Amino acid sequence: MKNYHRNKDENIWKHFGQIWDISWMTVAPIILGLFLGQYLDRKYPKGFSWTLSMLILGIFFAFYNLYQFFDKEIKKYEKKDKKNEHDNQNHH
């Protein structure tokens, strides 16, 4: 019973860590894009908005990061499922 609680706690912290990583992978590029855009608007004023351009670029990178992360996680789970299927076939 004690091992069950320890494994459950470890899984909670693992999932919390993944959520934290996903949050930063999403938020950081967007915020960096906003700050860079505001800096460029002040430093190099042009006929268009650097802030909007960098925000869009930051959003693009945020979603690209999410795509990369989830693609890697899906492949990891598929590999684990194939291994489990192979193990189950060997036992029968």
PDB file of N, CA and C in Angstrom:
ATOM      1  N   MET A   1       0.826  -1.196   0.000  1.00  0.00           N
ATOM      2  CA  MET A   1       0.000   0.000   0.000  1.00  0.00           C
ATOM      3  C   MET A   1       0.870   1.258   0.000  1.00  0.00           C
ATOM      4  N   LYS A   2       1.972   1.208   0.726  1.00  0.00           N
ATOM      5  CA  LYS A   2       2.859   2.355   0.796  1.00  0.00           C
ATOM      6  C   LYS A   2       3.477   2.643  -0.570  1.00  0.00           C
ATOM      7  N   ASN A   3       3.858   1.589  -1.305  1.00  0.00           N
ATOM      8  CA  ASN A   3       4.419   1.772  -2.642  1.00  0.00           C
ATOM      9  C   ASN A   3       3.404   2.395  -3.586  1.00  0.00           C
ATOM     10  N   TYR A   4       2.141   2.024  -3.443  1.00  0.00           N
ATOM     11  CA  TYR A   4       1.091   2.590  -4.280  1.00  0.00           C
ATOM     12  C   TYR A   4       1.034   4.102  -4.107  1.00  0.00           C
ATOM     13  N   HIS A   5       1.057   4.563  -2.861  1.00  0.00           N
ATOM     14  CA  HIS A   5       0.990   6.005  -2.602  1.00  0.00           C
ATOM     15  C   HIS A   5       2.237   6.710  -3.113  1.00  0.00           C
ATOM     16  N   ARG A   6       3.388   6.072  -2.957  1.00  0.00           N
ATOM     17  CA  ARG A   6       4.622   6.697  -3.438  1.00  0.00           C
ATOM     18  C   ARG A   6       4.580   6.800  -4.961  1.00  0.00           C
ATOM     19  N   ASN A   7       4.166   5.739  -5.662  1.00  0.00           N
ATOM     20  CA  ASN A   7       4.082   5.785  -7.121  1.00  0.00           C
ATOM     21  C   ASN A   7       3.056   6.811  -7.581  1.00  0.00           C
ATOM     22  N   LYS A   8       1.937   6.889  -6.848  1.00  0.00           N
ATOM     23  CA  LYS A   8       0.903   7.862  -7.188  1.00  0.00           C
ATOM     24  C   LYS A   8       1.445   9.284  -7.030  1.00  0.00           C
ATOM     25  N   ASP A   9       2.171   9.547  -5.934  1.00  0.00           N
ATOM     26  CA  ASP A   9       2.763  10.869  -5.722  1.00  0.00           C
ATOM     27  C   ASP A   9       3.791  11.186  -6.800  1.00  0.00           C
ATOM     28  N   GLU A  10       4.614  10.191  -7.181  1.00  0.00           N
ATOM     29  CA  GLU A  10       5.600  10.413  -8.228  1.00  0.00           C
ATOM     30  C   GLU A  10       4.914  10.737  -9.550  1.00  0.00           C
ATOM     31  N   ASN A  11       3.812  10.039  -9.844  1.00  0.00           N
ATOM     32  CA  ASN A  11       3.076  10.317 -11.080  1.00  0.00           C
ATOM     33  C   ASN A  11       2.471  11.712 -11.065  1.00  0.00           C
ATOM     34  N   ILE A  12       1.976  12.138  -9.918  1.00  0.00           N
ATOM     35  CA  ILE A  12       1.404  13.486  -9.809  1.00  0.00           C
ATOM     36  C   ILE A  12       2.473  14.523 -10.097  1.00  0.00           C
ATOM     37  N   TRP A  13       3.659  14.368  -9.511  1.00  0.00           N
ATOM     38  CA  TRP A  13       4.739  15.330  -9.721  1.00  0.00           C
ATOM     39  C   TRP A  13       5.247  15.275 -11.162  1.00  0.00           C
ATOM     40  N   LYS A  14       5.270  14.077 -11.736  1.00  0.00           N
ATOM     41  CA  LYS A  14       5.688  13.949 -13.134  1.00  0.00           C
ATOM     42  C   LYS A  14       4.716  14.695 -14.035  1.00  0.00           C
ATOM     43  N   HIS A  15       3.415  14.512 -13.796  1.00  0.00           N
ATOM     44  CA  HIS A  15       2.409  15.190 -14.618  1.00  0.00           C
ATOM     45  C   HIS A  15       2.434  16.702 -14.369  1.00  0.00           C
ATOM     46  N   PHE A  16       2.650  17.106 -13.134  1.00  0.00           N
ATOM     47  CA  PHE A  16       2.761  18.538 -12.836  1.00  0.00           C
ATOM     48  C   PHE A  16       3.952  19.133 -13.587  1.00  0.00           C
ATOM     49  N   GLY A  17       5.055  18.400 -13.617  1.00  0.00           N
ATOM     50  CA  GLY A  17       6.235  18.862 -14.343  1.00  0.00           C
ATOM     51  C   GLY A  17       5.964  18.991 -15.830  1.00  0.00           C
ATOM     52  N   GLN A  18       5.218  18.043 -16.396  1.00  0.00           N
ATOM     53  CA  GLN A  18       4.882  18.122 -17.811  1.00  0.00           C
ATOM     54  C   GLN A  18       3.978  19.317 -18.100  1.00  0.00           C
ATOM     55  N   ILE A  19       3.019  19.557 -17.225  1.00  0.00           N
ATOM     56  CA  ILE A  19       2.138  20.715 -17.404  1.00  0.00           C
ATOM     57  C   ILE A  19       2.945  22.009 -17.337  1.00  0.00           C
ATOM     58  N   TRP A  20       3.884  22.067 -16.409  1.00  0.00           N
ATOM     59  CA  TRP A  20       4.752  23.238 -16.266  1.00  0.00           C
ATOM     60  C   TRP A  20       5.563  23.448 -17.547  1.00  0.00           C
ATOM     61  N   ASP A  21       6.137  22.366 -18.079  1.00  0.00           N
ATOM     62  CA  ASP A  21       6.913  22.458 -19.312  1.00  0.00           C
ATOM     63  C   ASP A  21       6.051  22.939 -20.474  1.00  0.00           C
ATOM     64  N   ILE A  22       4.866  22.380 -20.594  1.00  0.00           N
ATOM     65  CA  ILE A  22       3.961  22.774 -21.670  1.00  0.00           C
ATOM     66  C   ILE A  22       3.593  24.256 -21.539  1.00  0.00           C
ATOM     67  N   SER A  23       3.351  24.688 -20.315  1.00  0.00           N
ATOM     68  CA  SER A  23       3.002  26.096 -20.090  1.00  0.00           C
ATOM     69  C   SER A  23       4.115  27.013 -20.557  1.00  0.00           C
ATOM     70  N   TRP A  24       5.346  26.705 -20.174  1.00  0.00           N
ATOM     71  CA  TRP A  24       6.467  27.558 -20.559  1.00  0.00           C
ATOM     72  C   TRP A  24       6.776  27.469 -22.044  1.00  0.00           C
ATOM     73  N   MET A  25       6.585  26.299 -22.639  1.00  0.00           N
ATOM     74  CA  MET A  25       6.797  26.165 -24.084  1.00  0.00           C
ATOM     75  C   MET A  25       5.808  27.022 -24.859  1.00  0.00           C
ATOM     76  N   THR A  26       4.654  27.260 -24.265  1.00  0.00           N
ATOM     77  CA  THR A  26       3.620  28.042 -24.926  1.00  0.00           C
ATOM     78  C   THR A  26       3.750  29.526 -24.609  1.00  0.00           C
ATOM     79  N   VAL A  27       3.914  29.850 -23.351  1.00  0.00           N
ATOM     80  CA  VAL A  27       3.887  31.239 -22.908  1.00  0.00           C
ATOM     81  C   VAL A  27       5.171  31.994 -23.264  1.00  0.00           C
ATOM     82  N   ALA A  28       6.319  31.364 -23.106  1.00  0.00           N
ATOM     83  CA  ALA A  28       7.598  32.059 -23.298  1.00  0.00           C
ATOM     84  C   ALA A  28       7.749  32.658 -24.699  1.00  0.00           C
ATOM     85  N   PRO A  29       7.511  31.919 -25.782  1.00  0.00           N
ATOM     86  CA  PRO A  29       7.676  32.543 -27.100  1.00  0.00           C
ATOM     87  C   PRO A  29       6.711  33.701 -27.348  1.00  0.00           C
ATOM     88  N   ILE A  30       5.506  33.591 -26.810  1.00  0.00           N
ATOM     89  CA  ILE A  30       4.524  34.664 -26.998  1.00  0.00           C
ATOM     90  C   ILE A  30       4.971  35.925 -26.264  1.00  0.00           C
ATOM     91  N   ILE A  31       5.389  35.778 -25.019  1.00  0.00           N
ATOM     92  CA  ILE A  31       5.847  36.941 -24.240  1.00  0.00           C
ATOM     93  C   ILE A  31       7.110  37.536 -24.843  1.00  0.00           C
ATOM     94  N   LEU A  32       8.047  36.675 -25.236  1.00  0.00           N
ATOM     95  CA  LEU A  32       9.267  37.178 -25.872  1.00  0.00           C
ATOM     96  C   LEU A  32       8.939  37.928 -27.156  1.00  0.00           C
ATOM     97  N   GLY A  33       7.984  37.416 -27.925  1.00  0.00           N
ATOM     98  CA  GLY A  33       7.567  38.106 -29.137  1.00  0.00           C
ATOM     99  C   GLY A  33       6.985  39.479 -28.846  1.00  0.00           C
ATOM    100  N   LEU A  34       6.172  39.556 -27.790  1.00  0.00           N
ATOM    101  CA  LEU A  34       5.599  40.859 -27.413  1.00  0.00           C
ATOM    102  C   LEU A  34       6.672  41.857 -27.004  1.00  0.00           C
ATOM    103  N   PHE A  35       7.588  41.431 -26.140  1.00  0.00           N
ATOM    104  CA  PHE A  35       8.647  42.338 -25.681  1.00  0.00           C
ATOM    105  C   PHE A  35       9.582  42.749 -26.820  1.00  0.00           C
ATOM    106  N   LEU A  36       9.946  41.794 -27.665  1.00  0.00           N
ATOM    107  CA  LEU A  36      10.806  42.119 -28.799  1.00  0.00           C
ATOM    108  C   LEU A  36      10.089  43.071 -29.748  1.00  0.00           C
ATOM    109  N   GLY A  37       8.810  42.825 -29.999  1.00  0.00           N
ATOM    110  CA  GLY A  37       8.034  43.702 -30.873  1.00  0.00           C
ATOM    111  C   GLY A  37       7.923  45.120 -30.325  1.00  0.00           C
ATOM    112  N   GLN A  38       7.688  45.246 -29.030  1.00  0.00           N
ATOM    113  CA  GLN A  38       7.611  46.585 -28.433  1.00  0.00           C
ATOM    114  C   GLN A  38       8.949  47.306 -28.520  1.00  0.00           C
ATOM    115  N   TYR A  39      10.029  46.577 -28.287  1.00  0.00           N
ATOM    116  CA  TYR A  39      11.367  47.162 -28.396  1.00  0.00           C
ATOM    117  C   TYR A  39      11.619  47.643 -29.825  1.00  0.00           C
ATOM    118  N   LEU A  40      11.304  46.796 -30.803  1.00  0.00           N
ATOM    119  CA  LEU A  40      11.524  47.160 -32.198  1.00  0.00           C
ATOM    120  C   LEU A  40      10.636  48.325 -32.622  1.00  0.00           C
ATOM    121  N   ASP A  41       9.395  48.384 -32.096  1.00  0.00           N
ATOM    122  CA  ASP A  41       8.521  49.526 -32.402  1.00  0.00           C
ATOM    123  C   ASP A  41       9.120  50.833 -31.898  1.00  0.00           C
ATOM    124  N   ARG A  42       9.723  50.805 -30.715  1.00  0.00           N
ATOM    125  CA  ARG A  42      10.342  52.026 -30.169  1.00  0.00           C
ATOM    126  C   ARG A  42      11.642  52.358 -30.909  1.00  0.00           C
ATOM    127  N   LYS A  43      12.428  51.360 -31.208  1.00  0.00           N
ATOM    128  CA  LYS A  43      13.752  51.566 -31.801  1.00  0.00           C
ATOM    129  C   LYS A  43      13.671  51.861 -33.298  1.00  0.00           C
ATOM    130  N   TYR A  44      12.829  51.140 -34.009  1.00  0.00           N
ATOM    131  CA  TYR A  44      12.716  51.267 -35.468  1.00  0.00           C
ATOM    132  C   TYR A  44      11.248  51.445 -35.876  1.00  0.00           C
ATOM    133  N   PRO A  45      10.678  52.625 -35.636  1.00  0.00           N
ATOM    134  CA  PRO A  45       9.269  52.824 -36.005  1.00  0.00           C
ATOM    135  C   PRO A  45       9.103  52.772 -37.535  1.00  0.00           C
ATOM    136  N   LYS A  46       8.216  51.926 -37.970  1.00  0.00           N
ATOM    137  CA  LYS A  46       7.937  51.761 -39.403  1.00  0.00           C
ATOM    138  C   LYS A  46       6.438  51.932 -39.623  1.00  0.00           C
ATOM    139  N   GLY A  47       5.995  51.684 -40.830  1.00  0.00           N
ATOM    140  CA  GLY A  47       4.587  51.828 -41.165  1.00  0.00           C
ATOM    141  C   GLY A  47       3.742  50.641 -40.721  1.00  0.00           C
ATOM    142  N   PHE A  48       4.356  49.664 -40.092  1.00  0.00           N
ATOM    143  CA  PHE A  48       3.613  48.506 -39.605  1.00  0.00           C
ATOM    144  C   PHE A  48       3.997  48.262 -38.145  1.00  0.00           C
ATOM    145  N   SER A  49       3.275  47.377 -37.513  1.00  0.00           N
ATOM    146  CA  SER A  49       3.492  47.110 -36.095  1.00  0.00           C
ATOM    147  C   SER A  49       4.451  45.922 -35.916  1.00  0.00           C
ATOM    148  N   TRP A  50       5.619  46.225 -35.358  1.00  0.00           N
ATOM    149  CA  TRP A  50       6.548  45.148 -35.007  1.00  0.00           C
ATOM    150  C   TRP A  50       5.945  44.264 -33.916  1.00  0.00           C
ATOM    151  N   THR A  51       5.208  44.893 -33.000  1.00  0.00           N
ATOM    152  CA  THR A  51       4.627  44.137 -31.887  1.00  0.00           C
ATOM    153  C   THR A  51       3.672  43.069 -32.411  1.00  0.00           C
ATOM    154  N   LEU A  52       2.802  43.441 -33.317  1.00  0.00           N
ATOM    155  CA  LEU A  52       1.855  42.476 -33.871  1.00  0.00           C
ATOM    156  C   LEU A  52       2.589  41.380 -34.652  1.00  0.00           C
ATOM    157  N   SER A  53       3.590  41.786 -35.432  1.00  0.00           N
ATOM    158  CA  SER A  53       4.358  40.808 -36.211  1.00  0.00           C
ATOM    159  C   SER A  53       5.069  39.814 -35.301  1.00  0.00           C
ATOM    160  N   MET A  54       5.723  40.310 -34.267  1.00  0.00           N
ATOM    161  CA  MET A  54       6.461  39.428 -33.354  1.00  0.00           C
ATOM    162  C   MET A  54       5.509  38.586 -32.505  1.00  0.00           C
ATOM    163  N   LEU A  55       4.332  39.141 -32.187  1.00  0.00           N
ATOM    164  CA  LEU A  55       3.322  38.366 -31.461  1.00  0.00           C
ATOM    165  C   LEU A  55       2.876  37.174 -32.305  1.00  0.00           C
ATOM    166  N   ILE A  56       2.597  37.414 -33.570  1.00  0.00           N
ATOM    167  CA  ILE A  56       2.183  36.322 -34.462  1.00  0.00           C
ATOM    168  C   ILE A  56       3.304  35.289 -34.589  1.00  0.00           C
ATOM    169  N   LEU A  57       4.535  35.749 -34.721  1.00  0.00           N
ATOM    170  CA  LEU A  57       5.669  34.832 -34.797  1.00  0.00           C
ATOM    171  C   LEU A  57       5.811  34.032 -33.495  1.00  0.00           C
ATOM    172  N   GLY A  58       5.631  34.696 -32.357  1.00  0.00           N
ATOM    173  CA  GLY A  58       5.689  34.013 -31.061  1.00  0.00           C
ATOM    174  C   GLY A  58       4.603  32.967 -30.921  1.00  0.00           C
ATOM    175  N   ILE A  59       3.399  33.276 -31.387  1.00  0.00           N
ATOM    176  CA  ILE A  59       2.296  32.307 -31.343  1.00  0.00           C
ATOM    177  C   ILE A  59       2.624  31.112 -32.236  1.00  0.00           C
ATOM    178  N   PHE A  60       3.188  31.384 -33.414  1.00  0.00           N
ATOM    179  CA  PHE A  60       3.585  30.300 -34.304  1.00  0.00           C
ATOM    180  C   PHE A  60       4.583  29.373 -33.606  1.00  0.00           C
ATOM    181  N   PHE A  61       5.623  29.956 -32.992  1.00  0.00           N
ATOM    182  CA  PHE A  61       6.623  29.137 -32.299  1.00  0.00           C
ATOM    183  C   PHE A  61       6.025  28.391 -31.112  1.00  0.00           C
ATOM    184  N   ALA A  62       5.089  29.009 -30.419  1.00  0.00           N
ATOM    185  CA  ALA A  62       4.439  28.349 -29.278  1.00  0.00           C
ATOM    186  C   ALA A  62       3.705  27.097 -29.743  1.00  0.00           C
ATOM    187  N   PHE A  63       2.931  27.212 -30.811  1.00  0.00           N
ATOM    188  CA  PHE A  63       2.204  26.052 -31.307  1.00  0.00           C
ATOM    189  C   PHE A  63       3.130  25.016 -31.929  1.00  0.00           C
ATOM    190  N   TYR A  64       4.219  25.479 -32.536  1.00  0.00           N
ATOM    191  CA  TYR A  64       5.203  24.544 -33.067  1.00  0.00           C
ATOM    192  C   TYR A  64       5.841  23.750 -31.928  1.00  0.00           C
ATOM    193  N   ASN A  65       6.166  24.423 -30.828  1.00  0.00           N
ATOM    194  CA  ASN A  65       6.709  23.735 -29.647  1.00  0.00           C
ATOM    195  C   ASN A  65       5.727  22.697 -29.118  1.00  0.00           C
ATOM    196  N   LEU A  66       4.449  23.068 -29.047  1.00  0.00           N
ATOM    197  CA  LEU A  66       3.433  22.120 -28.585  1.00  0.00           C
ATOM    198  C   LEU A  66       3.331  20.918 -29.517  1.00  0.00           C
ATOM    199  N   TYR A  67       3.363  21.177 -30.813  1.00  0.00           N
ATOM    200  CA  TYR A  67       3.300  20.092 -31.781  1.00  0.00           C
ATOM    201  C   TYR A  67       4.478  19.135 -31.588  1.00  0.00           C
ATOM    202  N   GLN A  68       5.679  19.682 -31.447  1.00  0.00           N
ATOM    203  CA  GLN A  68       6.871  18.859 -31.243  1.00  0.00           C
ATOM    204  C   GLN A  68       6.747  18.030 -29.967  1.00  0.00           C
ATOM    205  N   PHE A  69       6.303  18.665 -28.890  1.00  0.00           N
ATOM    206  CA  PHE A  69       6.184  17.979 -27.603  1.00  0.00           C
ATOM    207  C   PHE A  69       5.185  16.826 -27.687  1.00  0.00           C
ATOM    208  N   PHE A  70       3.996  17.109 -28.212  1.00  0.00           N
ATOM    209  CA  PHE A  70       2.968  16.073 -28.267  1.00  0.00           C
ATOM    210  C   PHE A  70       3.306  14.984 -29.278  1.00  0.00           C
ATOM    211  N   ASP A  71       3.971  15.328 -30.358  1.00  0.00           N
ATOM    212  CA  ASP A  71       4.413  14.324 -31.318  1.00  0.00           C
ATOM    213  C   ASP A  71       5.389  13.353 -30.651  1.00  0.00           C
ATOM    214  N   LYS A  72       6.315  13.891 -29.866  1.00  0.00           N
ATOM    215  CA  LYS A  72       7.276  13.048 -29.149  1.00  0.00           C
ATOM    216  C   LYS A  72       6.575  12.172 -28.117  1.00  0.00           C
ATOM    217  N   GLU A  73       5.624  12.739 -27.381  1.00  0.00           N
ATOM    218  CA  GLU A  73       4.899  11.977 -26.365  1.00  0.00           C
ATOM    219  C   GLU A  73       4.048  10.872 -27.000  1.00  0.00           C
ATOM    220  N   ILE A  74       3.398  11.178 -28.111  1.00  0.00           N
ATOM    221  CA  ILE A  74       2.568  10.176 -28.790  1.00  0.00           C
ATOM    222  C   ILE A  74       3.440   9.024 -29.273  1.00  0.00           C
ATOM    223  N   LYS A  75       4.584   9.334 -29.840  1.00  0.00           N
ATOM    224  CA  LYS A  75       5.492   8.277 -30.302  1.00  0.00           C
ATOM    225  C   LYS A  75       5.984   7.430 -29.142  1.00  0.00           C
ATOM    226  N   LYS A  76       6.231   8.077 -27.996  1.00  0.00           N
ATOM    227  CA  LYS A  76       6.680   7.339 -26.821  1.00  0.00           C
ATOM    228  C   LYS A  76       5.600   6.361 -26.350  1.00  0.00           C
ATOM    229  N   TYR A  77       4.342   6.816 -26.305  1.00  0.00           N
ATOM    230  CA  TYR A  77       3.244   5.946 -25.874  1.00  0.00           C
ATOM    231  C   TYR A  77       2.971   4.840 -26.890  1.00  0.00           C
ATOM    232  N   GLU A  78       3.082   5.154 -28.181  1.00  0.00           N
ATOM    233  CA  GLU A  78       2.898   4.117 -29.205  1.00  0.00           C
ATOM    234  C   GLU A  78       3.961   3.036 -29.077  1.00  0.00           C
ATOM    235  N   LYS A  79       5.185   3.459 -28.807  1.00  0.00           N
ATOM    236  CA  LYS A  79       6.274   2.495 -28.633  1.00  0.00           C
ATOM    237  C   LYS A  79       6.010   1.616 -27.410  1.00  0.00           C
ATOM    238  N   LYS A  80       5.533   2.246 -26.315  1.00  0.00           N
ATOM    239  CA  LYS A  80       5.215   1.498 -25.104  1.00  0.00           C
ATOM    240  C   LYS A  80       4.068   0.519 -25.359  1.00  0.00           C
ATOM    241  N   ASP A  81       3.040   0.959 -26.112  1.00  0.00           N
ATOM    242  CA  ASP A  81       1.909   0.075 -26.433  1.00  0.00           C
ATOM    243  C   ASP A  81       2.349  -1.117 -27.268  1.00  0.00           C
ATOM    244  N   LYS A  82       3.217  -0.875 -28.252  1.00  0.00           N
ATOM    245  CA  LYS A  82       3.713  -1.979 -29.084  1.00  0.00           C
ATOM    246  C   LYS A  82       4.492  -2.977 -28.235  1.00  0.00           C
ATOM    247  N   LYS A  83       5.280  -2.461 -27.292  1.00  0.00           N
ATOM    248  CA  LYS A  83       6.047  -3.343 -26.416  1.00  0.00           C
ATOM    249  C   LYS A  83       5.104  -4.165 -25.544  1.00  0.00           C
ATOM    250  N   ASN A  84       4.072  -3.531 -25.006  1.00  0.00           N
ATOM    251  CA  ASN A  84       3.085  -4.248 -24.182  1.00  0.00           C
ATOM    252  C   ASN A  84       2.334  -5.303 -24.998  1.00  0.00           C
ATOM    253  N   GLU A  85       1.963  -4.966 -26.234  1.00  0.00           N
ATOM    254  CA  GLU A  85       1.281  -5.941 -27.090  1.00  0.00           C
ATOM    255  C   GLU A  85       2.198  -7.121 -27.374  1.00  0.00           C
ATOM    256  N   HIS A  86       3.450  -6.847 -27.620  1.00  0.00           N
ATOM    257  CA  HIS A  86       4.421  -7.905 -27.897  1.00  0.00           C
ATOM    258  C   HIS A  86       4.611  -8.787 -26.672  1.00  0.00           C
ATOM    259  N   ASP A  87       4.701  -8.182 -25.511  1.00  0.00           N
ATOM    260  CA  ASP A  87       4.837  -8.955 -24.256  1.00  0.00           C
ATOM    261  C   ASP A  87       3.610  -9.808 -24.000  1.00  0.00           C
ATOM    262  N   ASN A  88       2.422  -9.250 -24.256  1.00  0.00           N
ATOM    263  CA  ASN A  88       1.173 -10.006 -24.038  1.00  0.00           C
ATOM    264  C   ASN A  88       1.063 -11.188 -25.009  1.00  0.00           C
ATOM    265  N   GLN A  89       1.515 -11.012 -26.229  1.00  0.00           N
ATOM    266  CA  GLN A  89       1.468 -12.099 -27.205  1.00  0.00           C
ATOM    267  C   GLN A  89       2.418 -13.235 -26.810  1.00  0.00           C
ATOM    268  N   ASN A  90       3.541 -12.892 -26.226  1.00  0.00           N
ATOM    269  CA  ASN A  90       4.514 -13.894 -25.811  1.00  0.00           C
ATOM    270  C   ASN A  90       4.028 -14.706 -24.614  1.00  0.00           C
ATOM    271  N   HIS A  91       3.169 -14.120 -23.789  1.00  0.00           N
ATOM    272  CA  HIS A  91       2.666 -14.821 -22.607  1.00  0.00           C
ATOM    273  C   HIS A  91       1.540 -15.789 -22.956  1.00  0.00           C
ATOM    274  N   HIS A  92       0.892 -15.600 -24.096  1.00  0.00           N
ATOM    275  CA  HIS A  92      -0.251 -16.462 -24.468  1.00  0.00           C
ATOM    276  C   HIS A  92       0.161 -17.525 -25.427  1.00  0.00           C
TER     277      HIS A  92
END
